[in-house]
Amino acid sequence: MKRILGLVASQRKTANGEILLKEAAAAAGDEYELELIRLAEWRFEPCRGCFTCLLPDKSCPIDDDLYPLADKIKAADGIILASPCYALGPASVTKLIGDRIIALNQLLEDFWGKPCVIIATAGNHGWEGYTLSALITTARNMGLGVKDACMFIGALPGEAVLAEGVRGRVRLLGSRLFDEARPPEEGECPSCWADIWKFPQPGIAICSLCGQVADLIAGRDGVIWIFGPRSDRQTKEGLVRHNQELKGKVKEYFSRREELTVVRKAYKGEDNWLKPRTK
């Protein structure tokens, strides 16, 4: 039997994200077995920025659950990620995993194109923040093939699924896991589906997450967005190229290490670093 891996970012048990995830998995078909991981119960350490994972035949030296999670993702046929919105962004455990993207990108061949759908939940309309854009970007940066992503509203555990139209929408999301991806929605970047835009100068918009460029032209009924060539930042070629650029920076560091050591030494000393109470 094929496997769907459900990644639940909430610490609440049987809460909105988990319920919606199970609805989505059920819509994917009876021939799939659902395995669940509550991400907050697994241990993920912050990235150290050491670049060890970029060295030949090396992996991330942190002894935590990143690679066990990667093994589960590799073994699954499809991924459903569910996260609540906290303080206008996704649960912090998703950022801990996302920050380790350089290590995970060394597994790009194993992850590339693996089907994924994303469920986000927020307590109130208007307070969704950048949650969905961040989750989509994390999944795409890992090489997952995002088929659908949707924000659902519900603060109380269990209430989100009761709202009108929610069961139908989340089941549609689940049915897309092993089917065609949805098109980008209005306001979303056509390349990555993010909805966070920068406006560096009049008449120009740039997607903050993938770099997609659009020209803004005044039309009879409002502003017309004319998109340039699709961004390749989150394509396989784009991710591989970025990975090679970072490996190039590692080589550059070794060639400039003595010079940079002198610079850093000037900022070392008897600094007043405050220690946490728990250590």
Protein backbone atom coordinates (compact mmCIF):
# COMPACT_ATOMS: atom_id res chain seq x y z
CA MET A 1 0.00 0.00 0.00
CA LYS A 2 1.25 3.48 -0.85
CA ARG A 3 1.93 5.96 1.92
CA ILE A 4 0.92 9.54 2.62
CA LEU A 5 3.05 11.29 5.23
CA GLY A 6 1.17 13.89 7.26
CA LEU A 7 3.35 16.54 8.91
CA VAL A 8 1.49 18.33 11.70
CA ALA A 9 3.19 21.48 13.00
CA SER A 10 0.75 22.19 15.84
CA GLN A 11 1.32 20.96 19.39
CA ARG A 12 -2.45 20.83 19.91
CA LYS A 13 -3.79 17.32 19.48
CA THR A 14 -6.84 16.75 17.26
CA ALA A 15 -6.82 20.44 16.39
CA ASN A 16 -7.87 22.13 13.16
CA GLY A 17 -4.81 21.38 11.08
CA GLU A 18 -4.75 17.72 12.05
CA ILE A 19 -8.47 17.31 11.35
CA LEU A 20 -8.22 18.99 7.95
CA LEU A 21 -5.13 16.94 7.11
CA LYS A 22 -7.05 13.72 7.79
CA GLU A 23 -9.94 14.93 5.62
CA ALA A 24 -7.49 15.69 2.81
CA ALA A 25 -5.77 12.31 3.12
CA ALA A 26 -9.11 10.50 2.97
CA ALA A 27 -9.91 12.29 -0.29
CA ALA A 28 -6.64 11.13 -1.84
CA GLY A 29 -8.00 7.59 -2.14
CA ASP A 30 -8.50 4.36 -0.20
CA GLU A 31 -5.29 2.82 -1.54
CA TYR A 32 -3.13 5.13 0.58
CA GLU A 33 -2.06 4.60 4.19
CA LEU A 34 -1.65 7.74 6.31
CA GLU A 35 1.39 8.06 8.58
CA LEU A 36 1.54 11.07 10.90
CA ILE A 37 4.38 13.03 12.47
CA ARG A 38 3.78 15.70 15.08
CA LEU A 39 6.80 17.85 14.28
CA ALA A 40 6.94 19.46 17.73
CA GLU A 41 7.62 16.03 19.26
CA TRP A 42 10.72 15.60 17.11
CA ARG A 43 13.95 17.45 17.84
CA PHE A 44 15.18 19.98 15.30
CA GLU A 45 18.15 22.19 16.18
CA PRO A 46 18.88 25.58 14.58
CA CYS A 47 21.26 25.64 11.63
CA ARG A 48 24.80 26.52 12.77
CA GLY A 49 25.78 28.12 9.48
CA CYS A 50 28.90 25.95 9.41
CA PHE A 51 28.57 24.90 5.74
CA THR A 52 29.78 21.38 6.59
CA CYS A 53 26.93 19.94 4.53
CA LEU A 54 28.40 21.66 1.45
CA LEU A 55 31.73 19.84 1.71
CA PRO A 56 32.31 16.73 -0.41
CA ASP A 57 30.92 13.55 1.17
CA LYS A 58 29.76 15.44 4.27
CA SER A 59 26.33 15.84 5.84
CA CYS A 60 24.95 18.10 8.55
CA PRO A 61 26.86 17.38 11.79
CA ILE A 62 23.90 18.17 14.05
CA ASP A 63 22.63 15.00 15.72
CA ASP A 64 18.89 15.59 15.72
CA ASP A 65 15.83 14.37 13.82
CA LEU A 66 16.41 16.16 10.50
CA TYR A 67 17.69 13.12 8.63
CA PRO A 68 15.14 10.72 10.18
CA LEU A 69 12.47 13.14 8.92
CA ALA A 70 14.14 13.21 5.51
CA ASP A 71 14.05 9.40 5.41
CA LYS A 72 10.30 9.45 6.10
CA ILE A 73 9.77 12.01 3.35
CA LYS A 74 11.81 9.92 0.91
CA ALA A 75 9.81 6.79 1.75
CA ALA A 76 6.41 8.48 1.34
CA ASP A 77 4.50 8.70 -1.92
CA GLY A 78 2.96 12.06 -1.01
CA ILE A 79 3.22 14.72 1.70
CA ILE A 80 0.53 16.75 3.47
CA LEU A 81 1.87 19.62 5.58
CA ALA A 82 -0.41 21.36 8.08
CA SER A 83 0.58 24.34 10.20
CA PRO A 84 -1.24 26.90 12.31
CA CYS A 85 -0.59 30.61 12.01
CA TYR A 86 1.15 32.03 15.09
CA ALA A 87 1.90 35.77 15.21
CA LEU A 88 1.19 36.13 11.46
CA GLY A 89 3.58 33.32 10.47
CA PRO A 90 3.73 29.52 10.51
CA ALA A 91 4.61 27.50 13.61
CA SER A 92 8.30 27.92 14.44
CA VAL A 93 9.14 24.25 13.94
CA THR A 94 8.58 24.73 10.20
CA LYS A 95 11.18 27.52 10.21
CA LEU A 96 13.69 25.31 12.05
CA ILE A 97 13.32 22.74 9.28
CA GLY A 98 13.37 25.40 6.57
CA ASP A 99 16.59 26.90 7.93
CA ARG A 100 18.30 23.55 7.29
CA ILE A 101 17.45 23.72 3.60
CA ILE A 102 21.09 23.62 2.47
CA ALA A 103 21.52 20.21 4.11
CA LEU A 104 18.21 19.01 2.69
CA ASN A 105 19.13 20.24 -0.78
CA GLN A 106 21.89 17.64 -0.85
CA LEU A 107 18.96 15.18 -1.05
CA LEU A 108 17.25 17.04 -3.88
CA GLU A 109 17.24 14.02 -6.20
CA ASP A 110 15.29 12.06 -3.57
CA PHE A 111 12.77 14.84 -2.91
CA TRP A 112 12.32 16.38 -6.34
CA GLY A 113 8.72 16.47 -7.53
CA LYS A 114 7.32 14.43 -4.64
CA PRO A 115 3.63 15.44 -4.44
CA CYS A 116 2.71 17.79 -1.60
CA VAL A 117 -0.35 19.74 -0.50
CA ILE A 118 -0.36 22.36 2.23
CA ILE A 119 -2.95 23.29 4.86
CA ALA A 120 -2.65 26.43 6.95
CA THR A 121 -5.02 27.54 9.70
CA ALA A 122 -5.52 30.95 11.28
CA GLY A 123 -7.80 32.11 14.06
CA ASN A 124 -9.32 35.12 12.29
CA HIS A 125 -9.78 36.52 8.80
CA GLY A 126 -7.23 39.24 8.17
CA TRP A 127 -4.66 37.71 10.53
CA GLU A 128 -3.28 35.07 8.17
CA GLY A 129 -0.06 37.06 7.63
CA TYR A 130 2.68 35.43 5.56
CA THR A 131 1.90 31.92 6.81
CA LEU A 132 0.84 30.26 3.57
CA SER A 133 3.56 31.92 1.49
CA ALA A 134 6.21 30.74 3.95
CA LEU A 135 4.96 27.15 3.98
CA ILE A 136 4.75 26.98 0.19
CA THR A 137 8.27 28.38 -0.11
CA THR A 138 9.69 25.90 2.40
CA ALA A 139 8.13 22.98 0.52
CA ARG A 140 9.28 24.23 -2.88
CA ASN A 141 12.80 24.91 -1.60
CA MET A 142 12.95 21.26 -0.53
CA GLY A 143 12.04 20.23 -4.07
CA LEU A 144 8.53 19.03 -3.28
CA GLY A 145 5.92 19.33 -6.00
CA VAL A 146 3.24 21.54 -4.45
CA LYS A 147 -0.16 20.65 -5.94
CA ASP A 148 -2.42 22.82 -3.78
CA ALA A 149 -2.25 25.07 -0.73
CA CYS A 150 -5.05 26.76 1.19
CA MET A 151 -5.67 28.83 4.31
CA PHE A 152 -8.56 27.83 6.58
CA ILE A 153 -10.03 29.86 9.45
CA GLY A 154 -10.75 28.53 12.94
CA ALA A 155 -9.35 29.46 16.34
CA LEU A 156 -11.12 26.82 18.44
CA PRO A 157 -9.91 23.24 18.04
CA GLY A 158 -12.31 21.47 15.70
CA GLU A 159 -14.26 24.48 14.44
CA ALA A 160 -12.48 25.03 11.11
CA VAL A 161 -14.01 21.94 9.50
CA LEU A 162 -17.52 23.14 10.45
CA ALA A 163 -17.39 26.31 8.34
CA GLU A 164 -19.43 26.35 5.15
CA GLY A 165 -17.60 24.89 2.17
CA VAL A 166 -14.52 23.80 4.12
CA ARG A 167 -14.99 20.05 3.78
CA GLY A 168 -15.42 20.40 0.04
CA ARG A 169 -12.36 22.63 -0.30
CA VAL A 170 -10.07 20.45 1.80
CA ARG A 171 -11.24 17.31 0.01
CA LEU A 172 -10.48 18.99 -3.31
CA LEU A 173 -7.03 19.79 -1.94
CA GLY A 174 -6.54 16.15 -0.96
CA SER A 175 -7.74 14.86 -4.32
CA ARG A 176 -5.08 16.98 -6.02
CA LEU A 177 -2.22 15.34 -4.13
CA PHE A 178 -1.80 12.72 -6.85
CA ASP A 179 -3.45 14.71 -9.63
CA GLU A 180 -2.85 17.95 -11.51
CA ALA A 181 -1.81 21.02 -9.51
CA ARG A 182 -4.20 23.93 -9.21
CA PRO A 183 -3.41 27.12 -11.12
CA PRO A 184 -2.14 30.18 -9.23
CA GLU A 185 -4.95 32.19 -7.67
CA GLU A 186 -5.60 35.91 -8.04
CA GLY A 187 -2.96 37.92 -6.21
CA GLU A 188 -0.51 35.02 -6.10
CA CYS A 189 2.83 34.95 -7.87
CA PRO A 190 2.40 32.83 -11.02
CA SER A 191 5.77 31.16 -10.42
CA CYS A 192 5.64 30.26 -6.71
CA TRP A 193 2.12 31.19 -5.43
CA ALA A 194 3.46 33.56 -2.77
CA ASP A 195 1.48 36.75 -2.21
CA ILE A 196 4.23 38.98 -0.83
CA TRP A 197 5.26 41.65 -3.34
CA LYS A 198 7.88 44.39 -3.31
CA PHE A 199 7.46 47.60 -5.28
CA PRO A 200 11.01 48.94 -5.76
CA GLN A 201 9.92 51.66 -8.16
CA PRO A 202 6.71 52.89 -9.79
CA GLY A 203 5.31 50.39 -12.25
CA ILE A 204 7.41 47.44 -11.08
CA ALA A 205 6.51 44.57 -8.73
CA ILE A 206 8.85 41.78 -7.63
CA CYS A 207 7.86 38.62 -5.76
CA SER A 208 9.77 38.72 -2.48
CA LEU A 209 10.25 34.96 -2.42
CA CYS A 210 11.06 33.83 -5.95
CA GLY A 211 11.98 37.09 -7.70
CA GLN A 212 9.23 36.97 -10.35
CA VAL A 213 8.99 40.41 -11.99
CA ALA A 214 5.82 42.15 -13.18
CA ASP A 215 5.19 45.44 -14.95
CA LEU A 216 2.21 47.39 -13.60
CA ILE A 217 0.26 49.33 -16.21
CA ALA A 218 -2.76 51.56 -15.67
CA GLY A 219 -5.81 50.14 -17.41
CA ARG A 220 -9.37 51.31 -17.85
CA ASP A 221 -10.61 49.16 -14.96
CA GLY A 222 -7.53 49.27 -12.74
CA VAL A 223 -3.92 48.15 -12.67
CA ILE A 224 -2.89 45.50 -15.19
CA TRP A 225 -0.12 43.12 -14.14
CA ILE A 226 2.11 41.96 -17.00
CA PHE A 227 4.40 39.20 -15.80
CA GLY A 228 7.88 38.69 -17.17
CA PRO A 229 9.56 35.31 -17.74
CA ARG A 230 8.82 32.77 -15.02
CA SER A 231 11.28 32.78 -12.15
CA ASP A 232 13.51 29.69 -12.04
CA ARG A 233 14.60 30.12 -8.42
CA GLN A 234 12.54 27.15 -7.23
CA THR A 235 13.04 24.98 -10.30
CA LYS A 236 15.39 22.03 -10.05
CA GLU A 237 17.95 23.87 -12.15
CA GLY A 238 17.64 26.98 -9.99
CA LEU A 239 18.08 25.09 -6.73
CA VAL A 240 21.06 23.15 -8.08
CA ARG A 241 22.65 26.38 -9.34
CA HIS A 242 22.20 28.06 -5.95
CA ASN A 243 23.70 25.02 -4.26
CA GLN A 244 26.74 25.25 -6.53
CA GLU A 245 27.04 28.97 -5.80
CA LEU A 246 27.17 28.21 -2.08
CA LYS A 247 29.80 25.53 -2.62
CA GLY A 248 31.77 28.15 -4.50
CA LYS A 249 31.56 30.45 -1.47
CA VAL A 250 32.96 27.66 0.70
CA LYS A 251 35.96 27.35 -1.62
CA GLU A 252 36.36 31.13 -1.55
CA TYR A 253 36.37 31.07 2.24
CA PHE A 254 39.25 28.60 2.34
CA SER A 255 41.24 30.81 -0.04
CA ARG A 256 40.52 33.94 2.04
CA ARG A 257 40.55 32.39 5.51
CA GLU A 258 43.67 34.17 6.74
CA GLU A 259 42.38 37.55 5.56
CA LEU A 260 38.96 37.02 7.14
CA THR A 261 40.48 35.69 10.37
CA VAL A 262 42.22 39.05 10.83
CA VAL A 263 38.91 40.86 10.32
CA ARG A 264 37.08 38.64 12.81
CA LYS A 265 39.85 38.80 15.39
CA ALA A 266 39.34 42.55 15.74
CA TYR A 267 35.83 41.87 17.03
CA LYS A 268 36.75 39.17 19.53
CA GLY A 269 37.37 40.02 23.14
CA GLU A 270 35.97 40.05 26.65
CA ASP A 271 32.40 40.70 25.55
CA ASN A 272 29.54 40.81 28.02
CA TRP A 273 27.50 37.88 26.71
CA LEU A 274 24.48 37.27 28.90
CA LYS A 275 23.81 33.63 29.75
CA PRO A 276 20.38 31.98 29.90
CA ARG A 277 19.02 31.16 33.32
CA THR A 278 18.67 27.47 32.44
CA LYS A 279 22.40 26.88 31.88
